[in-house]
Amino acid sequence: MKFLADECVDRQIVKAEVVTDALKIHAGELPHAFTVITSVTVRIRRKFF
């Protein structure tokens, strides 16, 4: 089970790196992307809390 958990964490880290690279490429659109991410996060928080 620990191996699966580690693999899952590795995948999350890779995803985070890919997202970061994509955001760097679209540096001009960063404020817009940040707004979208924030609004989605707020929506998720409202749903669960």
C-alpha atoms as a PDB file:
ATOM      1  CA  MET A   1       0.000   0.000   0.000  1.00  0.00           C
ATOM      2  CA  LYS A   2       2.835   2.392   0.809  1.00  0.00           C
ATOM      3  CA  PHE A   3       4.226   1.961  -2.693  1.00  0.00           C
ATOM      4  CA  LEU A   4       0.857   2.915  -4.181  1.00  0.00           C
ATOM      5  CA  ALA A   5       0.657   5.973  -1.939  1.00  0.00           C
ATOM      6  CA  ASP A   6       4.174   7.067  -2.956  1.00  0.00           C
ATOM      7  CA  GLU A   7       3.337   6.580  -6.631  1.00  0.00           C
ATOM      8  CA  CYS A   8       0.184   8.654  -6.189  1.00  0.00           C
ATOM      9  CA  VAL A   9       2.190  11.451  -4.545  1.00  0.00           C
ATOM     10  CA  ASP A  10       4.745  11.311  -7.376  1.00  0.00           C
ATOM     11  CA  ARG A  11       1.940  11.671  -9.910  1.00  0.00           C
ATOM     12  CA  GLN A  12       0.522  14.663  -8.025  1.00  0.00           C
ATOM     13  CA  ILE A  13       3.960  16.306  -8.028  1.00  0.00           C
ATOM     14  CA  VAL A  14       4.344  15.690 -11.768  1.00  0.00           C
ATOM     15  CA  LYS A  15       0.866  17.160 -12.372  1.00  0.00           C
ATOM     16  CA  ALA A  16       1.771  20.208 -10.290  1.00  0.00           C
ATOM     17  CA  GLU A  17       4.994  20.668 -12.298  1.00  0.00           C
ATOM     18  CA  VAL A  18       3.128  20.363 -15.602  1.00  0.00           C
ATOM     19  CA  VAL A  19       0.554  22.923 -14.454  1.00  0.00           C
ATOM     20  CA  THR A  20       3.334  25.255 -13.301  1.00  0.00           C
ATOM     21  CA  ASP A  21       5.083  24.956 -16.680  1.00  0.00           C
ATOM     22  CA  ALA A  22       1.803  25.645 -18.483  1.00  0.00           C
ATOM     23  CA  LEU A  23       1.259  28.736 -16.331  1.00  0.00           C
ATOM     24  CA  LYS A  24       4.806  29.931 -17.066  1.00  0.00           C
ATOM     25  CA  ILE A  25       4.127  29.578 -20.807  1.00  0.00           C
ATOM     26  CA  HIS A  26       0.949  31.625 -20.412  1.00  0.00           C
ATOM     27  CA  ALA A  27       2.524  34.236 -18.127  1.00  0.00           C
ATOM     28  CA  GLY A  28       0.471  36.908 -19.888  1.00  0.00           C
ATOM     29  CA  GLU A  29      -2.722  35.086 -18.929  1.00  0.00           C
ATOM     30  CA  LEU A  30      -1.603  34.413 -15.362  1.00  0.00           C
ATOM     31  CA  PRO A  31      -4.008  36.865 -13.657  1.00  0.00           C
ATOM     32  CA  HIS A  32      -6.927  35.283 -15.508  1.00  0.00           C
ATOM     33  CA  ALA A  33      -5.774  31.746 -14.648  1.00  0.00           C
ATOM     34  CA  PHE A  34      -5.331  32.749 -11.013  1.00  0.00           C
ATOM     35  CA  THR A  35      -8.864  34.164 -10.921  1.00  0.00           C
ATOM     36  CA  VAL A  36     -10.287  30.949 -12.385  1.00  0.00           C
ATOM     37  CA  ILE A  37      -8.345  28.745  -9.944  1.00  0.00           C
ATOM     38  CA  THR A  38      -9.434  30.913  -7.002  1.00  0.00           C
ATOM     39  CA  SER A  39     -13.106  30.843  -7.990  1.00  0.00           C
ATOM     40  CA  VAL A  40     -13.013  27.059  -8.464  1.00  0.00           C
ATOM     41  CA  THR A  41     -11.312  26.626  -5.073  1.00  0.00           C
ATOM     42  CA  VAL A  42     -13.924  28.816  -3.400  1.00  0.00           C
ATOM     43  CA  ARG A  43     -16.712  26.804  -5.044  1.00  0.00           C
ATOM     44  CA  ILE A  44     -15.196  23.521  -3.840  1.00  0.00           C
ATOM     45  CA  ARG A  45     -14.826  24.912  -0.301  1.00  0.00           C
ATOM     46  CA  ARG A  46     -18.447  26.057  -0.264  1.00  0.00           C
ATOM     47  CA  LYS A  47     -19.579  22.634  -1.429  1.00  0.00           C
ATOM     48  CA  PHE A  48     -17.701  20.695   1.257  1.00  0.00           C
ATOM     49  CA  PHE A  49     -17.676  23.065   4.246  1.00  0.00           C
END
